[in-house]
Protein backbone atom coordinates (compact mmCIF):
# COMPACT_ATOMS: atom_id res chain seq x y z
CA MET A 1 7.59 6.79 5.02
CA SER A 2 8.83 9.95 6.78
CA GLU A 3 12.37 11.19 6.26
CA ASN A 4 13.11 10.71 9.95
CA LYS A 5 12.17 7.05 9.70
CA LEU A 6 14.26 6.63 6.56
CA GLN A 7 17.23 8.24 8.32
CA GLU A 8 16.88 5.84 11.22
CA GLN A 9 16.77 2.88 8.82
CA ARG A 10 19.91 4.17 7.09
CA LEU A 11 21.61 4.63 10.44
CA ASN A 12 20.80 1.08 11.58
CA TYR A 13 21.98 -0.35 8.27
CA LEU A 14 25.25 1.60 8.40
CA LEU A 15 25.90 0.53 11.98
CA ASP A 16 25.57 -3.12 10.97
CA GLU A 17 27.87 -2.65 7.98
CA PHE A 18 30.56 -0.64 9.78
CA LYS A 19 30.50 -3.08 12.72
CA ALA A 20 30.98 -5.99 10.31
CA ASP A 21 33.82 -4.07 8.65
CA SER A 22 35.67 -3.69 11.96
CA ASP A 23 37.67 -6.57 13.43
CA GLU A 24 37.95 -4.92 16.83
CA TYR A 25 34.37 -3.67 17.25
CA LYS A 26 32.27 -6.14 15.27
CA ASN A 27 30.60 -7.34 18.48
CA ILE A 28 29.97 -3.94 20.03
CA GLU A 29 26.54 -3.53 21.65
CA ILE A 30 24.35 -0.92 19.96
CA PRO A 31 22.04 1.05 22.29
CA ASP A 32 18.48 2.01 21.40
CA ASN A 33 19.01 5.76 21.76
CA ILE A 34 19.38 7.35 18.33
CA ASN A 35 21.97 9.91 19.45
CA ASP A 36 24.11 7.16 20.93
CA LYS A 37 23.78 5.26 17.66
CA LYS A 38 25.01 8.30 15.74
CA ARG A 39 27.99 8.65 18.06
CA ILE A 40 28.95 5.01 17.57
CA LEU A 41 28.64 5.28 13.79
CA ARG A 42 30.80 8.41 13.75
CA SER A 43 33.37 6.71 15.97
CA LEU A 44 33.51 3.65 13.69
CA MET A 45 34.02 5.96 10.71
CA ASN A 46 36.70 7.95 12.55
CA ILE A 47 38.86 4.94 13.38
CA ARG A 48 38.46 3.19 10.03
CA MET A 49 41.61 2.92 7.92
CA PRO A 50 41.31 3.96 4.25
CA LYS A 51 40.03 1.04 2.21
CA LYS A 52 37.23 0.15 -0.19
CA MET A 53 33.65 -0.43 0.85
CA SER A 54 30.77 -1.74 -1.24
CA LYS A 55 28.91 0.58 -3.58
CA THR A 56 25.64 -0.13 -1.76
CA VAL A 57 27.05 0.89 1.62
CA LEU A 58 28.52 4.06 0.13
CA GLU A 59 25.20 4.97 -1.44
CA VAL A 60 23.38 4.60 1.88
CA GLN A 61 26.15 6.48 3.67
CA ASP A 62 25.89 9.32 1.14
CA GLU A 63 22.11 9.54 1.58
CA PHE A 64 22.49 9.54 5.35
CA LEU A 65 25.20 12.22 5.45
CA THR A 66 23.48 14.43 2.88
CA ASN A 67 20.39 14.45 5.06
CA CYS A 68 22.47 15.09 8.19
CA ILE A 69 23.86 18.23 6.54
CA LYS A 70 20.37 19.33 5.50
CA GLU A 71 19.25 18.92 9.10
CA LYS A 72 22.12 21.15 10.23
CA GLY A 73 21.11 23.73 7.62
CA ILE A 74 23.02 24.58 4.46
CA VAL A 75 24.39 28.13 4.37
CA GLU A 76 24.50 29.79 0.94
CA LEU A 77 27.07 32.40 -0.03
CA SER A 78 24.24 34.91 -0.36
CA ASP A 79 23.37 34.34 3.32
CA ILE A 80 26.75 35.74 4.44
CA PRO A 81 27.19 39.52 4.32
CA VAL A 82 30.35 41.13 2.95
CA LEU A 83 32.19 43.18 5.57
CA LYS A 84 35.03 44.64 3.53
CA ASN A 85 35.84 44.27 -0.15
CA GLU A 86 35.40 40.54 -0.86
CA ILE A 87 35.87 39.48 2.77
CA SER A 88 33.29 38.05 5.18
CA ILE A 89 33.22 36.59 8.69
CA TRP A 90 30.94 33.69 9.51
CA GLN A 91 30.64 31.95 12.87
CA GLY A 92 29.50 28.36 12.86
CA ASP A 93 30.15 24.89 11.51
CA ILE A 94 32.23 25.08 8.33
CA ILE A 95 30.69 21.89 6.93
CA ARG A 96 27.41 23.78 6.37
CA LEU A 97 28.91 26.26 3.89
CA LYS A 98 27.95 25.95 0.23
CA VAL A 99 31.07 27.51 -1.26
CA ASP A 100 33.60 26.47 -3.85
CA ALA A 101 36.16 25.40 -1.23
CA ILE A 102 36.49 25.03 2.50
CA VAL A 103 39.88 24.83 4.20
CA ASN A 104 40.68 21.96 6.52
CA ALA A 105 43.34 22.26 9.23
CA ALA A 106 45.05 18.92 8.60
CA ASN A 107 48.00 17.12 10.16
CA SER A 108 51.06 16.05 8.19
CA VAL A 109 49.78 12.48 7.65
CA MET A 110 46.79 14.02 5.80
CA LEU A 111 44.34 11.19 6.52
CA GLY A 112 42.02 12.99 8.90
CA CYS A 113 41.56 12.60 12.65
CA PHE A 114 41.40 9.00 13.94
CA ILE A 115 40.29 9.93 17.47
CA PRO A 116 36.63 8.91 17.89
CA MET A 117 34.29 11.90 18.21
CA HIS A 118 37.16 14.38 18.48
CA ILE A 119 36.03 18.00 18.29
CA CYS A 120 38.68 19.14 15.80
CA ILE A 121 37.69 20.48 12.39
CA ASP A 122 39.62 17.66 10.67
CA ASN A 123 37.39 15.09 12.37
CA GLN A 124 34.21 17.04 11.58
CA ILE A 125 35.04 17.46 7.91
CA HIS A 126 36.05 13.83 7.38
CA THR A 127 33.01 12.53 9.25
CA PHE A 128 30.42 14.39 7.21
CA ALA A 129 32.22 14.23 3.88
CA GLY A 130 32.21 10.44 4.19
CA ILE A 131 34.80 7.69 4.13
CA GLN A 132 35.62 8.40 0.47
CA LEU A 133 37.54 11.48 1.62
CA ARG A 134 40.07 9.47 3.63
CA GLU A 135 40.47 7.14 0.64
CA GLU A 136 41.24 10.04 -1.69
CA CYS A 137 43.68 11.59 0.77
CA ASN A 138 45.40 8.23 1.10
CA ARG A 139 45.65 7.82 -2.69
CA GLN A 140 47.33 11.20 -3.02
CA MET A 141 49.70 10.52 -0.13
CA GLU A 142 50.65 7.13 -1.56
CA GLU A 143 51.51 8.83 -4.84
CA PHE A 144 53.71 11.31 -2.96
CA LYS A 145 55.42 8.45 -1.14
CA VAL A 146 56.28 6.81 -4.45
CA LYS A 147 57.78 10.09 -5.60
CA TYR A 148 59.45 11.30 -2.39
CA GLY A 149 59.94 8.17 -0.26
CA LYS A 150 57.91 5.97 2.06
CA ASP A 151 58.31 8.31 5.05
CA TYR A 152 56.82 11.30 3.23
CA GLU A 153 54.57 13.60 5.21
CA GLN A 154 52.87 16.72 3.90
CA PRO A 155 55.03 19.81 4.50
CA THR A 156 53.74 22.80 6.41
CA SER A 157 51.91 25.40 4.27
CA ILE A 158 51.56 23.15 1.18
CA PRO A 159 47.88 22.65 0.32
CA MET A 160 46.25 19.50 -1.05
CA LEU A 161 42.98 19.59 -2.99
CA THR A 162 40.25 16.95 -2.79
CA ASP A 163 36.58 16.60 -3.58
CA ALA A 164 34.14 17.42 -0.78
CA TYR A 165 31.85 14.41 -1.37
CA ASN A 166 28.76 14.82 0.83
CA LEU A 167 29.47 18.36 1.99
CA PRO A 168 27.74 21.33 0.32
CA ALA A 169 31.15 22.73 -0.70
CA LYS A 170 32.61 21.69 -4.05
CA LYS A 171 36.17 21.08 -2.82
CA ILE A 172 38.26 20.80 0.32
CA ILE A 173 41.73 22.31 0.59
CA HIS A 174 43.73 20.51 3.28
CA ILE A 175 46.69 22.35 4.76
CA VAL A 176 49.15 21.74 7.59
CA GLY A 177 49.67 24.84 9.69
CA PRO A 178 52.74 25.64 11.78
CA ILE A 179 52.89 24.26 15.32
CA VAL A 180 53.99 26.58 18.12
CA ASN A 181 55.85 24.42 20.62
CA ASN A 182 57.56 27.13 22.65
CA LYS A 183 57.66 30.77 21.58
CA LEU A 184 56.27 32.36 18.43
CA THR A 185 58.96 33.09 15.81
CA GLU A 186 59.16 34.96 12.52
CA LYS A 187 59.53 31.61 10.75
CA LEU A 188 56.25 30.34 12.20
CA GLU A 189 54.51 33.58 11.29
CA LYS A 190 55.82 33.29 7.72
CA GLU A 191 54.61 29.69 7.52
CA LEU A 192 51.13 30.71 8.63
CA SER A 193 51.06 33.52 6.07
CA ASP A 194 52.14 31.01 3.41
CA CYS A 195 49.16 28.81 4.32
CA TYR A 196 46.80 31.58 3.24
CA THR A 197 48.82 32.63 0.19
CA ASN A 198 49.26 29.09 -1.11
CA THR A 199 45.60 28.24 -0.54
CA LEU A 200 44.46 31.30 -2.48
CA ASN A 201 46.91 30.43 -5.25
CA MET A 202 45.39 26.95 -5.40
CA CYS A 203 41.92 28.49 -5.65
CA LEU A 204 43.11 30.68 -8.54
CA GLU A 205 44.72 27.74 -10.35
CA ASN A 206 41.55 25.63 -10.04
CA GLY A 207 38.90 28.26 -10.77
CA LEU A 208 37.54 28.26 -7.21
CA LYS A 209 35.83 31.61 -6.69
CA SER A 210 34.78 31.38 -3.03
CA VAL A 211 36.75 29.95 -0.13
CA ALA A 212 36.13 29.61 3.61
CA PHE A 213 39.20 29.57 5.85
CA CYS A 214 39.15 28.02 9.29
CA CYS A 215 41.41 29.53 11.98
CA ILE A 216 44.54 27.69 10.86
CA SER A 217 47.04 26.62 13.56
CA THR A 218 45.04 27.93 16.51
CA GLY A 219 43.73 25.46 19.09
CA VAL A 220 45.90 22.36 19.48
CA PHE A 221 48.64 23.88 17.26
CA HIS A 222 48.95 26.70 19.86
CA PHE A 223 49.29 29.66 17.52
CA PRO A 224 48.10 32.76 19.45
CA ASN A 225 44.60 33.52 18.20
CA LYS A 226 44.90 37.28 17.87
CA ARG A 227 48.23 37.14 16.03
CA ALA A 228 46.86 34.39 13.78
CA ALA A 229 43.90 36.63 12.87
CA GLU A 230 46.25 39.55 12.11
CA ILE A 231 48.36 37.39 9.81
CA ALA A 232 45.31 35.85 8.11
CA ILE A 233 43.67 39.18 7.33
CA GLY A 234 46.88 40.93 6.34
CA THR A 235 47.89 38.11 3.99
CA VAL A 236 44.46 37.78 2.39
CA GLU A 237 44.03 41.52 1.87
CA LYS A 238 47.48 41.75 0.25
CA TRP A 239 46.72 38.79 -2.03
CA LEU A 240 43.37 40.22 -3.10
CA LEU A 241 45.01 43.55 -3.99
CA GLU A 242 47.59 41.71 -6.09
CA HIS A 243 44.95 39.52 -7.81
CA PRO A 244 41.93 41.77 -8.46
CA ASN A 245 38.68 40.25 -9.75
CA THR A 246 39.85 36.66 -9.33
CA ILE A 247 38.14 35.59 -6.07
CA ASP A 248 34.52 36.55 -5.42
CA ARG A 249 34.54 35.88 -1.68
CA VAL A 250 36.93 34.98 1.12
CA ILE A 251 35.19 33.90 4.33
CA PHE A 252 36.90 33.70 7.68
CA ASN A 253 35.06 30.92 9.44
CA VAL A 254 35.32 31.26 13.22
CA PHE A 255 34.01 29.06 15.98
CA LYS A 256 34.94 30.84 19.21
CA ASP A 257 33.40 34.18 20.21
CA LYS A 258 36.87 35.58 20.92
CA ASP A 259 38.04 34.81 17.38
CA LYS A 260 34.95 36.54 16.00
CA GLU A 261 35.82 39.63 18.04
CA TYR A 262 39.42 39.63 16.79
CA TYR A 263 38.38 39.39 13.12
CA GLU A 264 35.65 42.01 13.47
CA GLU A 265 38.04 44.47 15.13
CA LEU A 266 40.68 43.95 12.45
CA LEU A 267 38.22 44.35 9.58
CA GLN A 268 36.66 47.60 10.80
């Protein structure tokens, strides 16, 4: 049987299982179009609260997601040129990167994005890592709530490390960036710098030699893109000078053309 046919069988099976797992959408009509089926599956995964699922379902989910990533194309570290010292820029989908760690722009609840099919990086990472990721994030947050109180939320600039499950990366570092509600302040700039410093410190502590940063706090968190790029590069370059021969590669993963231009100009 062809891989495409196997993928379609996995997709149909997962749709049945995730529908049955949902009280609200267990009777949802499934269209025949395969792309619509994929959108419904992703949406059911996005809205699902963290809880156990059978080993069989997880195995099929893992096979399905692993093949989805292969279809997108896995990007090796050797595929990405070095621009300056240990620093690279790569434009594209961060979930394709086969590195030691990718950085997720998380929110303070740290459970991923619950909005079906949302375009944020948090949604993308949780979708293709698999539902085990939300479970692990929830376990860690529940432990923090025992320690710090039931209303605990992850502070800005403090990273959390998880496995990457079905992604090519080994680990995911989740971090909450500063939110710019009105004007940009020195405090917000310091918090963004701390995101990069603390993430690199976590890499050092855990033997992670390559890391891909997303554009933390830009987008819905409203941090000005150019200033964010300046802070990111300045902080990373300073850290690398202070910790020589500890990190093999730092990748700035960009999505927008404008961000790519900012990083390229700053790294000339």
